[in-house]
N, C-alpha and C. Protein backbone atom coordinates (compact mmCIF):
# COMPACT_ATOMS: atom_id res chain seq x y z
N MET A 1 -52.12 21.67 26.02
CA MET A 1 -52.06 20.46 25.63
C MET A 1 -53.40 20.11 24.81
N LEU A 2 -52.70 19.55 23.43
CA LEU A 2 -53.61 18.71 22.62
C LEU A 2 -54.55 17.38 22.86
N ILE A 3 -55.51 17.22 22.95
CA ILE A 3 -55.85 16.12 23.07
C ILE A 3 -56.73 15.31 21.57
N SER A 4 -55.96 14.23 21.26
CA SER A 4 -56.50 14.00 20.25
C SER A 4 -57.87 13.01 20.01
N THR A 5 -59.12 13.81 19.26
CA THR A 5 -60.38 13.43 19.17
C THR A 5 -60.69 12.30 18.20
N MET A 6 -59.24 11.89 17.89
CA MET A 6 -59.93 10.70 16.41
C MET A 6 -60.78 9.40 17.14
N SER A 7 -61.47 9.13 16.27
CA SER A 7 -62.14 7.75 16.39
C SER A 7 -62.34 7.08 15.61
N GLN A 8 -62.43 5.70 15.51
CA GLN A 8 -62.52 4.85 14.08
C GLN A 8 -63.54 3.84 14.67
N LYS A 9 -64.32 3.47 13.43
CA LYS A 9 -65.39 2.53 13.16
C LYS A 9 -64.71 1.42 12.37
N VAL A 10 -65.03 0.23 12.59
CA VAL A 10 -64.68 -1.12 11.79
C VAL A 10 -65.77 -1.12 10.81
N LEU A 11 -64.99 -0.97 9.39
CA LEU A 11 -65.99 -1.33 7.96
C LEU A 11 -66.12 -2.56 7.84
N LEU A 12 -65.07 -3.16 7.92
CA LEU A 12 -64.97 -4.69 7.43
C LEU A 12 -63.98 -5.55 8.59
N ASN A 13 -64.43 -6.55 9.26
CA ASN A 13 -63.18 -7.62 9.48
C ASN A 13 -62.42 -8.60 8.62
N SER A 14 -62.02 -9.09 9.31
CA SER A 14 -61.03 -10.44 8.79
C SER A 14 -62.00 -11.00 7.72
N LYS A 15 -63.41 -11.84 8.54
CA LYS A 15 -64.03 -12.70 7.96
C LYS A 15 -64.70 -11.72 6.63
N GLU A 16 -65.17 -10.81 6.98
CA GLU A 16 -66.05 -9.72 5.91
C GLU A 16 -64.68 -9.49 4.46
N VAL A 17 -63.48 -9.50 5.09
CA VAL A 17 -62.74 -8.59 3.93
C VAL A 17 -62.27 -10.39 3.06
N ASN A 18 -62.08 -11.25 3.70
CA ASN A 18 -62.09 -12.99 2.82
C ASN A 18 -63.64 -12.93 1.97
N ILE A 19 -64.33 -12.54 2.61
CA ILE A 19 -65.64 -12.96 1.32
C ILE A 19 -65.82 -11.90 0.41
N ILE A 20 -65.21 -10.84 0.68
CA ILE A 20 -65.11 -9.80 -0.70
C ILE A 20 -64.02 -10.29 -1.52
N LEU A 21 -63.21 -10.82 -0.86
CA LEU A 21 -61.84 -11.06 -1.67
C LEU A 21 -62.10 -12.29 -2.51
N HIS A 22 -62.93 -13.46 -1.79
CA HIS A 22 -63.43 -14.23 -2.78
C HIS A 22 -64.55 -14.09 -3.83
N ARG A 23 -65.40 -13.07 -3.50
CA ARG A 23 -66.15 -12.46 -4.43
C ARG A 23 -65.28 -11.77 -5.47
N LEU A 24 -64.47 -10.76 -5.22
CA LEU A 24 -63.87 -10.25 -6.64
C LEU A 24 -63.02 -11.12 -7.22
N ALA A 25 -62.42 -12.29 -6.79
CA ALA A 25 -61.71 -13.29 -7.49
C ALA A 25 -62.68 -14.02 -8.39
N CYS A 26 -63.75 -14.36 -7.91
CA CYS A 26 -64.92 -15.02 -8.65
C CYS A 26 -65.33 -13.80 -9.72
N GLN A 27 -65.39 -13.00 -9.70
CA GLN A 27 -65.91 -11.62 -10.83
C GLN A 27 -64.66 -11.71 -11.58
N LEU A 28 -63.56 -11.59 -11.45
CA LEU A 28 -62.33 -11.51 -12.29
C LEU A 28 -62.32 -12.60 -12.96
N ILE A 29 -62.81 -14.12 -12.67
CA ILE A 29 -62.69 -15.15 -13.36
C ILE A 29 -63.57 -15.25 -14.31
N GLU A 30 -65.11 -14.61 -13.91
CA GLU A 30 -66.04 -14.65 -14.98
C GLU A 30 -65.81 -13.78 -16.38
N ASN A 31 -65.17 -12.82 -15.86
CA ASN A 31 -65.00 -11.61 -16.53
C ASN A 31 -63.43 -12.03 -17.77
N HIS A 32 -62.70 -12.84 -17.20
CA HIS A 32 -61.27 -13.04 -18.04
C HIS A 32 -60.83 -14.48 -17.80
N ASP A 33 -61.79 -15.47 -17.65
CA ASP A 33 -61.46 -17.06 -17.96
C ASP A 33 -60.50 -17.09 -17.40
N ASP A 34 -59.10 -17.70 -18.24
CA ASP A 34 -58.08 -18.18 -17.80
C ASP A 34 -56.71 -17.24 -17.57
N PHE A 35 -57.23 -15.55 -17.82
CA PHE A 35 -56.05 -14.98 -17.61
C PHE A 35 -54.96 -15.04 -18.20
N SER A 36 -55.57 -15.63 -19.80
CA SER A 36 -54.40 -15.53 -20.85
C SER A 36 -54.02 -14.24 -21.64
N GLU A 37 -55.02 -13.65 -21.22
CA GLU A 37 -54.92 -12.51 -22.41
C GLU A 37 -55.10 -10.94 -21.20
N THR A 38 -55.21 -11.44 -19.81
CA THR A 38 -55.36 -10.47 -18.90
C THR A 38 -53.72 -10.38 -17.93
N VAL A 39 -53.46 -9.26 -17.19
CA VAL A 39 -52.76 -9.18 -16.39
C VAL A 39 -53.25 -8.36 -15.40
N LEU A 40 -52.64 -8.77 -14.29
CA LEU A 40 -53.24 -7.80 -12.66
C LEU A 40 -51.73 -7.01 -12.28
N ILE A 41 -52.25 -5.68 -11.93
CA ILE A 41 -51.15 -5.06 -11.85
C ILE A 41 -51.49 -3.92 -10.33
N GLY A 42 -50.68 -4.24 -9.48
CA GLY A 42 -51.15 -3.59 -7.58
C GLY A 42 -50.22 -2.28 -8.21
N LEU A 43 -51.24 -1.15 -7.86
CA LEU A 43 -50.66 0.13 -7.75
C LEU A 43 -49.99 0.56 -6.14
N GLN A 44 -48.97 0.45 -6.66
CA GLN A 44 -47.83 1.02 -5.07
C GLN A 44 -48.38 2.32 -4.60
N PRO A 45 -48.30 2.14 -3.18
CA PRO A 45 -47.65 1.17 -2.12
C PRO A 45 -49.14 0.37 -1.74
N ARG A 46 -50.14 0.96 -1.81
CA ARG A 46 -51.13 -0.09 -0.88
C ARG A 46 -52.16 -1.21 -1.81
N GLY A 47 -51.95 -0.62 -3.09
CA GLY A 47 -52.45 -1.98 -3.92
C GLY A 47 -51.71 -3.21 -4.07
N LYS A 48 -50.68 -3.07 -3.71
CA LYS A 48 -49.36 -4.14 -4.01
C LYS A 48 -50.31 -5.39 -3.19
N PHE A 49 -50.49 -5.22 -1.95
CA PHE A 49 -50.99 -6.13 -0.73
C PHE A 49 -52.30 -6.76 -1.73
N LEU A 50 -53.35 -6.40 -1.87
CA LEU A 50 -54.90 -6.46 -2.26
C LEU A 50 -54.48 -7.35 -3.64
N ALA A 51 -53.62 -6.92 -4.65
CA ALA A 51 -53.17 -7.44 -5.78
C ALA A 51 -52.33 -8.93 -5.44
N ASP A 52 -51.31 -8.78 -4.43
CA ASP A 52 -50.63 -10.01 -4.02
C ASP A 52 -51.94 -11.27 -3.69
N ARG A 53 -52.71 -10.71 -2.63
CA ARG A 53 -53.63 -11.59 -1.99
C ARG A 53 -54.40 -12.34 -3.24
N LEU A 54 -55.02 -11.38 -4.00
CA LEU A 54 -56.01 -11.91 -5.06
C LEU A 54 -55.24 -12.92 -6.01
N ALA A 55 -54.00 -12.69 -6.50
CA ALA A 55 -53.05 -13.34 -7.40
C ALA A 55 -53.00 -14.70 -6.78
N GLN A 56 -52.73 -14.74 -5.35
CA GLN A 56 -52.63 -16.04 -4.52
C GLN A 56 -53.80 -16.82 -4.46
N MET A 57 -54.62 -16.03 -4.26
CA MET A 57 -56.34 -16.45 -4.20
C MET A 57 -56.47 -17.07 -5.69
N LEU A 58 -56.56 -16.71 -6.43
CA LEU A 58 -56.85 -17.16 -7.59
C LEU A 58 -56.06 -18.45 -8.30
N ALA A 59 -54.64 -18.40 -7.77
CA ALA A 59 -53.68 -19.75 -8.04
C ALA A 59 -54.02 -20.65 -7.16
N THR A 60 -54.16 -20.40 -5.86
CA THR A 60 -54.54 -21.55 -4.84
C THR A 60 -55.71 -21.88 -5.12
N ASP A 61 -57.01 -21.47 -4.89
CA ASP A 61 -57.97 -21.51 -4.45
C ASP A 61 -58.99 -21.78 -5.91
N TYR A 62 -58.55 -21.16 -6.67
CA TYR A 62 -59.23 -21.41 -8.18
C TYR A 62 -58.79 -21.83 -9.13
N LYS A 63 -57.63 -22.36 -8.81
CA LYS A 63 -56.29 -23.18 -9.59
C LYS A 63 -56.28 -22.35 -11.38
N ILE A 64 -56.10 -21.09 -11.27
CA ILE A 64 -55.89 -20.60 -12.50
C ILE A 64 -54.31 -20.50 -12.43
N LYS A 65 -54.00 -20.96 -13.65
CA LYS A 65 -52.46 -20.84 -13.89
C LYS A 65 -51.81 -19.80 -14.81
N ASN A 66 -50.75 -19.56 -14.21
CA ASN A 66 -49.81 -18.70 -15.10
C ASN A 66 -50.46 -17.28 -15.34
N ILE A 67 -50.82 -16.75 -13.65
CA ILE A 67 -51.22 -15.45 -13.67
C ILE A 67 -50.33 -14.52 -13.66
N GLN A 68 -50.22 -13.51 -14.76
CA GLN A 68 -48.90 -12.40 -14.52
C GLN A 68 -49.61 -11.03 -13.64
N LEU A 69 -48.88 -11.11 -12.96
CA LEU A 69 -48.56 -10.11 -12.01
C LEU A 69 -47.58 -9.10 -11.40
N GLY A 70 -48.24 -7.81 -11.77
CA GLY A 70 -46.61 -6.69 -11.62
C GLY A 70 -47.42 -5.69 -10.57
N HIS A 71 -46.49 -4.81 -10.18
CA HIS A 71 -46.66 -3.82 -9.33
C HIS A 71 -45.91 -2.47 -10.12
N LEU A 72 -47.06 -1.43 -9.86
CA LEU A 72 -46.76 -0.41 -10.88
C LEU A 72 -46.24 1.16 -9.61
N ASP A 73 -45.45 1.76 -9.86
CA ASP A 73 -45.23 2.61 -9.05
C ASP A 73 -45.77 4.10 -9.66
N ILE A 74 -46.53 4.88 -9.23
CA ILE A 74 -46.91 5.95 -9.47
C ILE A 74 -46.24 7.43 -9.27
N THR A 75 -45.66 7.13 -7.93
CA THR A 75 -45.14 8.52 -7.59
C THR A 75 -44.94 9.60 -8.51
N PHE A 76 -43.91 9.43 -9.19
CA PHE A 76 -43.79 10.71 -10.43
C PHE A 76 -44.50 11.26 -11.56
N PHE A 77 -45.79 10.02 -11.33
CA PHE A 77 -46.86 10.50 -12.47
C PHE A 77 -48.08 11.28 -11.95
N ARG A 78 -47.86 11.66 -10.20
CA ARG A 78 -49.14 12.19 -10.06
C ARG A 78 -49.03 13.67 -10.10
N ASP A 79 -50.08 14.51 -10.47
CA ASP A 79 -50.31 15.87 -10.25
C ASP A 79 -49.81 16.46 -9.29
N ASP A 80 -49.63 15.90 -8.05
CA ASP A 80 -49.12 16.67 -6.68
C ASP A 80 -47.91 16.29 -6.31
N PHE A 81 -46.83 15.71 -7.28
CA PHE A 81 -45.90 15.11 -6.35
C PHE A 81 -44.76 16.19 -6.04
N ARG A 82 -44.96 17.29 -6.75
CA ARG A 82 -44.05 18.51 -6.40
C ARG A 82 -44.50 19.46 -5.37
N ARG A 83 -45.78 18.99 -4.70
CA ARG A 83 -46.53 20.03 -3.94
C ARG A 83 -46.38 19.95 -2.45
N GLY A 84 -45.59 18.75 -1.95
CA GLY A 84 -45.10 18.44 -0.75
C GLY A 84 -44.20 19.13 0.17
N ASP A 85 -43.80 19.26 1.22
CA ASP A 85 -42.69 19.73 1.80
C ASP A 85 -41.26 18.86 2.17
N LYS A 86 -41.79 17.48 1.72
CA LYS A 86 -40.45 16.38 1.89
C LYS A 86 -40.35 15.89 0.79
N PRO A 87 -39.41 15.65 0.29
CA PRO A 87 -39.32 14.75 -0.78
C PRO A 87 -39.91 13.19 -0.95
N LEU A 88 -40.30 12.98 -1.83
CA LEU A 88 -40.70 11.72 -2.03
C LEU A 88 -39.73 10.39 -2.20
N GLU A 89 -40.58 9.66 -1.88
CA GLU A 89 -39.77 8.13 -2.15
C GLU A 89 -40.51 7.14 -2.85
N ALA A 90 -40.04 6.62 -3.79
CA ALA A 90 -40.55 6.10 -5.19
C ALA A 90 -40.76 4.73 -4.54
N ASN A 91 -41.58 3.77 -5.06
CA ASN A 91 -41.70 2.60 -4.95
C ASN A 91 -41.34 1.73 -6.17
N THR A 92 -41.35 0.77 -6.09
CA THR A 92 -40.92 -0.19 -6.89
C THR A 92 -41.58 -0.71 -8.25
N THR A 93 -41.11 -0.50 -9.19
CA THR A 93 -42.09 -1.11 -9.97
C THR A 93 -41.62 -2.32 -10.35
N LYS A 94 -42.67 -3.33 -10.72
CA LYS A 94 -42.27 -4.74 -11.01
C LYS A 94 -43.31 -5.04 -12.20
N ILE A 95 -42.93 -5.08 -13.82
CA ILE A 95 -43.63 -5.53 -14.81
C ILE A 95 -42.88 -6.20 -15.63
N ASP A 96 -42.73 -7.36 -15.59
CA ASP A 96 -41.99 -8.42 -16.38
C ASP A 96 -42.89 -9.53 -17.23
N PHE A 97 -43.68 -8.57 -17.74
CA PHE A 97 -44.53 -8.83 -19.06
C PHE A 97 -44.81 -7.81 -19.86
N ILE A 98 -45.70 -8.58 -21.25
CA ILE A 98 -45.46 -7.46 -22.04
C ILE A 98 -47.75 -7.07 -21.95
N VAL A 99 -47.60 -5.75 -21.72
CA VAL A 99 -49.00 -5.19 -21.58
C VAL A 99 -49.87 -4.85 -22.93
N GLU A 100 -48.98 -4.90 -24.05
CA GLU A 100 -49.27 -4.46 -25.11
C GLU A 100 -50.48 -5.38 -25.65
N ASP A 101 -51.81 -4.87 -25.74
CA ASP A 101 -52.90 -5.43 -26.39
C ASP A 101 -53.25 -6.31 -25.25
N LYS A 102 -52.87 -6.49 -24.44
CA LYS A 102 -53.57 -6.96 -22.90
C LYS A 102 -54.43 -6.34 -22.18
N ASN A 103 -55.49 -7.41 -21.75
CA ASN A 103 -56.48 -6.81 -20.49
C ASN A 103 -55.69 -6.42 -19.32
N VAL A 104 -55.77 -4.94 -19.10
CA VAL A 104 -55.04 -4.85 -17.84
C VAL A 104 -55.97 -4.28 -16.56
N VAL A 105 -55.83 -5.34 -15.41
CA VAL A 105 -56.53 -4.75 -14.37
C VAL A 105 -55.59 -3.93 -12.89
N PHE A 106 -56.06 -2.76 -13.05
CA PHE A 106 -55.54 -1.91 -11.86
C PHE A 106 -56.03 -2.63 -10.48
N ILE A 107 -55.21 -2.55 -9.57
CA ILE A 107 -55.85 -3.28 -8.52
C ILE A 107 -55.41 -2.07 -7.15
N ASP A 108 -56.39 -1.42 -6.50
CA ASP A 108 -55.91 -0.75 -5.55
C ASP A 108 -56.98 -0.66 -4.36
N ASP A 109 -56.07 -0.62 -3.18
CA ASP A 109 -56.88 -0.69 -1.97
C ASP A 109 -58.60 0.23 -1.70
N VAL A 110 -58.28 1.43 -2.02
CA VAL A 110 -59.24 2.52 -1.82
C VAL A 110 -58.99 3.44 -3.15
N LEU A 111 -60.28 3.70 -3.97
CA LEU A 111 -60.31 4.64 -4.85
C LEU A 111 -61.15 5.93 -3.96
N TYR A 112 -60.53 7.14 -3.78
CA TYR A 112 -60.75 8.36 -3.40
C TYR A 112 -61.12 9.34 -4.39
N THR A 113 -60.18 10.17 -4.67
CA THR A 113 -60.24 11.05 -5.91
C THR A 113 -60.21 10.90 -7.19
N GLY A 114 -59.37 9.61 -7.61
CA GLY A 114 -59.41 9.27 -8.83
C GLY A 114 -58.13 9.47 -9.46
N ARG A 115 -57.64 10.54 -8.68
CA ARG A 115 -56.20 11.05 -9.27
C ARG A 115 -55.07 10.18 -9.48
N SER A 116 -55.24 8.87 -8.47
CA SER A 116 -53.53 7.96 -8.34
C SER A 116 -54.07 6.86 -9.64
N ILE A 117 -55.44 7.35 -10.26
CA ILE A 117 -55.77 6.00 -11.33
C ILE A 117 -55.37 6.86 -12.27
N ARG A 118 -55.69 8.13 -12.56
CA ARG A 118 -55.37 8.97 -13.63
C ARG A 118 -53.65 8.88 -13.86
N SER A 119 -52.94 8.90 -12.44
CA SER A 119 -51.70 8.63 -12.64
C SER A 119 -51.18 7.31 -13.30
N ALA A 120 -51.99 6.01 -12.78
CA ALA A 120 -51.50 4.84 -13.21
C ALA A 120 -51.85 4.59 -14.74
N LEU A 121 -52.83 5.47 -15.46
CA LEU A 121 -53.06 5.24 -17.06
C LEU A 121 -51.99 5.80 -17.49
N THR A 122 -51.44 7.11 -16.99
CA THR A 122 -50.40 7.66 -17.86
C THR A 122 -49.14 6.84 -17.39
N ALA A 123 -48.65 6.18 -16.35
CA ALA A 123 -47.76 5.36 -16.25
C ALA A 123 -47.76 4.43 -17.01
N ILE A 124 -48.75 3.60 -17.23
CA ILE A 124 -48.60 2.33 -17.61
C ILE A 124 -48.41 2.38 -19.42
N GLN A 125 -48.45 3.42 -19.96
CA GLN A 125 -48.13 4.06 -21.11
C GLN A 125 -46.84 3.73 -21.46
N SER A 126 -46.01 3.67 -20.67
CA SER A 126 -44.22 3.34 -20.38
C SER A 126 -44.02 1.73 -20.93
N PHE A 127 -45.23 0.98 -20.71
CA PHE A 127 -45.00 -0.30 -20.83
C PHE A 127 -45.75 -0.73 -22.17
N GLY A 128 -46.51 0.07 -22.82
CA GLY A 128 -47.04 -0.57 -23.94
C GLY A 128 -48.67 0.25 -23.80
N ARG A 129 -49.39 0.20 -24.95
CA ARG A 129 -50.72 0.27 -24.95
C ARG A 129 -51.90 -1.30 -24.83
N PRO A 130 -52.35 -0.94 -23.52
CA PRO A 130 -53.08 -2.00 -23.41
C PRO A 130 -54.69 -1.88 -24.15
N LYS A 131 -55.16 -3.33 -24.32
CA LYS A 131 -56.52 -3.50 -25.16
C LYS A 131 -57.28 -2.89 -24.59
N ASN A 132 -57.82 -3.07 -22.96
CA ASN A 132 -58.24 -2.55 -22.12
C ASN A 132 -58.11 -2.65 -20.96
N VAL A 133 -58.65 -1.78 -20.28
CA VAL A 133 -58.11 -1.47 -18.59
C VAL A 133 -59.30 -0.93 -17.82
N GLU A 134 -59.04 -2.03 -16.89
CA GLU A 134 -60.17 -2.08 -15.78
C GLU A 134 -59.38 -1.66 -14.19
N LEU A 135 -60.43 -1.24 -13.46
CA LEU A 135 -60.30 -1.15 -12.07
C LEU A 135 -60.91 -1.98 -11.15
N LEU A 136 -60.01 -2.12 -10.25
CA LEU A 136 -60.72 -3.13 -9.10
C LEU A 136 -60.35 -2.70 -7.52
N THR A 137 -60.90 -2.27 -6.67
CA THR A 137 -60.94 -1.61 -5.66
C THR A 137 -61.53 -2.21 -4.58
N LEU A 138 -60.89 -2.14 -3.33
CA LEU A 138 -61.83 -2.94 -2.06
C LEU A 138 -62.35 -1.84 -1.83
N ILE A 139 -62.10 -0.67 -1.39
CA ILE A 139 -63.16 0.25 -1.13
C ILE A 139 -63.58 1.51 -1.99
N ASP A 140 -64.72 1.76 -2.28
CA ASP A 140 -65.14 3.04 -2.95
C ASP A 140 -65.32 4.12 -2.24
N ARG A 141 -64.94 5.02 -2.02
CA ARG A 141 -65.22 6.21 -1.48
C ARG A 141 -65.97 7.17 -2.64
N ARG A 142 -67.44 6.74 -2.96
CA ARG A 142 -68.02 7.20 -3.92
C ARG A 142 -68.14 9.07 -4.01
N PHE A 143 -68.45 9.67 -2.96
CA PHE A 143 -68.62 10.98 -2.96
C PHE A 143 -67.45 11.90 -2.96
N SER A 144 -66.52 11.20 -3.24
CA SER A 144 -65.00 11.88 -3.26
C SER A 144 -64.22 12.03 -4.33
N ARG A 145 -64.79 11.97 -5.85
CA ARG A 145 -64.07 11.83 -6.82
C ARG A 145 -63.54 13.08 -7.32
N HIS A 146 -62.73 13.72 -7.83
CA HIS A 146 -62.30 14.98 -8.50
C HIS A 146 -62.17 14.81 -10.06
N LEU A 147 -62.20 13.14 -10.44
CA LEU A 147 -62.05 12.67 -11.61
C LEU A 147 -63.05 11.68 -12.04
N PRO A 148 -63.79 11.94 -13.31
CA PRO A 148 -64.68 10.79 -13.63
C PRO A 148 -64.35 9.36 -13.72
N ILE A 149 -63.72 8.84 -12.46
CA ILE A 149 -63.31 7.63 -12.80
C ILE A 149 -63.82 6.62 -11.77
N GLN A 150 -64.56 5.24 -12.48
CA GLN A 150 -65.17 4.51 -11.44
C GLN A 150 -64.68 3.27 -11.58
N PRO A 151 -64.89 2.40 -10.46
CA PRO A 151 -64.22 0.69 -10.84
C PRO A 151 -65.40 -0.04 -11.19
N ASN A 152 -64.41 -0.82 -11.73
CA ASN A 152 -65.03 -1.90 -12.56
C ASN A 152 -65.49 -3.14 -11.50
N TYR A 153 -64.68 -3.31 -10.40
CA TYR A 153 -65.11 -3.99 -9.35
C TYR A 153 -64.59 -3.60 -8.12
N LYS A 154 -65.62 -3.48 -6.98
CA LYS A 154 -65.51 -2.97 -5.85
C LYS A 154 -66.09 -3.86 -4.89
N GLY A 155 -65.08 -4.09 -3.76
CA GLY A 155 -65.51 -4.37 -2.49
C GLY A 155 -66.61 -3.90 -1.67
N ARG A 156 -66.47 -2.93 -1.43
CA ARG A 156 -67.61 -2.20 -0.54
C ARG A 156 -67.53 -0.89 -0.94
N GLN A 157 -68.70 0.01 -1.10
CA GLN A 157 -68.92 1.26 -1.19
C GLN A 157 -69.03 1.78 0.07
N VAL A 158 -68.34 2.89 0.24
CA VAL A 158 -68.30 3.75 1.42
C VAL A 158 -68.83 5.32 1.30
N ASP A 159 -69.46 5.89 2.20
CA ASP A 159 -70.34 7.36 1.92
C ASP A 159 -69.21 7.70 3.30
N ALA A 160 -67.92 8.16 3.00
CA ALA A 160 -66.96 9.29 3.82
C ALA A 160 -66.93 10.56 3.65
N ILE A 161 -66.80 11.52 4.59
CA ILE A 161 -66.92 12.93 4.22
C ILE A 161 -65.41 13.01 4.19
N ASP A 162 -65.07 14.24 4.04
CA ASP A 162 -63.73 14.74 3.44
C ASP A 162 -62.68 14.73 4.77
N ASN A 163 -63.49 15.03 6.02
CA ASN A 163 -62.27 14.53 7.41
C ASN A 163 -62.34 13.46 7.93
N GLN A 164 -62.81 12.35 7.07
CA GLN A 164 -62.83 10.73 7.40
C GLN A 164 -61.40 10.13 6.48
N LYS A 165 -60.80 9.27 7.03
CA LYS A 165 -60.20 8.70 6.21
C LYS A 165 -60.40 7.05 6.26
N VAL A 166 -60.22 6.33 5.28
CA VAL A 166 -60.42 4.76 5.23
C VAL A 166 -58.79 4.27 5.46
N ARG A 167 -58.94 3.37 6.45
CA ARG A 167 -57.95 2.85 6.08
C ARG A 167 -57.86 1.19 6.31
N VAL A 168 -57.07 0.40 5.42
CA VAL A 168 -56.94 -0.81 5.15
C VAL A 168 -55.92 -1.41 5.73
N ASN A 169 -55.91 -2.46 6.22
CA ASN A 169 -55.11 -3.16 7.12
C ASN A 169 -54.89 -4.34 6.61
N TRP A 170 -53.60 -4.83 6.28
CA TRP A 170 -52.97 -6.52 5.79
C TRP A 170 -52.67 -6.90 6.82
N VAL A 171 -52.73 -8.62 6.79
CA VAL A 171 -51.74 -9.30 7.77
C VAL A 171 -50.42 -9.43 7.12
N GLU A 172 -50.32 -9.08 5.89
CA GLU A 172 -48.89 -8.96 5.61
C GLU A 172 -48.17 -7.61 6.07
N ASN A 173 -48.88 -6.47 6.41
CA ASN A 173 -48.12 -5.22 6.96
C ASN A 173 -48.88 -4.88 7.99
N GLY A 174 -49.86 -5.04 8.44
CA GLY A 174 -50.56 -4.73 9.91
C GLY A 174 -51.22 -5.31 11.01
N GLY A 175 -50.78 -7.10 10.56
CA GLY A 175 -50.79 -7.90 11.55
C GLY A 175 -52.92 -8.24 11.23
N GLU A 176 -53.24 -7.87 10.76
CA GLU A 176 -54.71 -8.14 10.42
C GLU A 176 -55.33 -7.64 9.22
N ASP A 177 -56.74 -8.40 8.71
CA ASP A 177 -57.06 -7.96 7.58
C ASP A 177 -58.13 -7.41 8.02
N SER A 178 -58.22 -6.07 7.96
CA SER A 178 -59.45 -5.12 8.43
C SER A 178 -59.61 -3.83 7.62
N VAL A 179 -60.70 -2.84 7.93
CA VAL A 179 -61.22 -1.53 7.47
C VAL A 179 -61.03 -0.90 8.13
N TYR A 180 -61.05 0.31 8.31
CA TYR A 180 -61.33 1.41 9.56
C TYR A 180 -61.84 2.38 8.76
N LEU A 181 -62.93 3.17 9.01
CA LEU A 181 -63.58 4.31 9.01
C LEU A 181 -63.09 5.44 10.08
N ILE A 182 -62.15 6.45 9.76
CA ILE A 182 -61.36 6.95 10.99
C ILE A 182 -61.67 8.70 11.04
N ASP A 183 -62.22 9.42 11.77
CA ASP A 183 -62.61 10.50 12.01
C ASP A 183 -61.02 11.41 12.40
N LYS A 184 -61.00 12.18 11.73
CA LYS A 184 -59.90 13.12 11.90
C LYS A 184 -59.99 14.03 12.79
């Protein structure tokens, strides 16, 4: 009989997530003013929820008009997409604006190895050549990087070892805003 030895620790509760989202929104406003030259792109699947929430917050709480928000699927741009035993299912890409000569802000929930961001850099080239690309992430797992990629904006830095997983929950898909560190 196998007994699960999985334990979890709360890294961020709902109130802390909300405070961090407001701080990240303010940092974006400081660097991008009215967003006329900036587009936000949530990386599918998990970065979509963070991107949607930040775009809503910028529009509602900070009265930023005309925010251009897209979602980018990187499934088939990953360097490991053929290595799994089961077929991959792609997510939707929705970019209905021009990225050519724009400031692009990639948004993802957890920065781990950096491979997803490398894939996003390749995938975005199909839509044009951005003037500048930045990265916003809710959680930065700083000791796990395989590639030299660092976030421009980060909610919280977490020192997690390889047998630990960071799980981000959103009201939109899990019933609560929270972040857990899980020991496998």
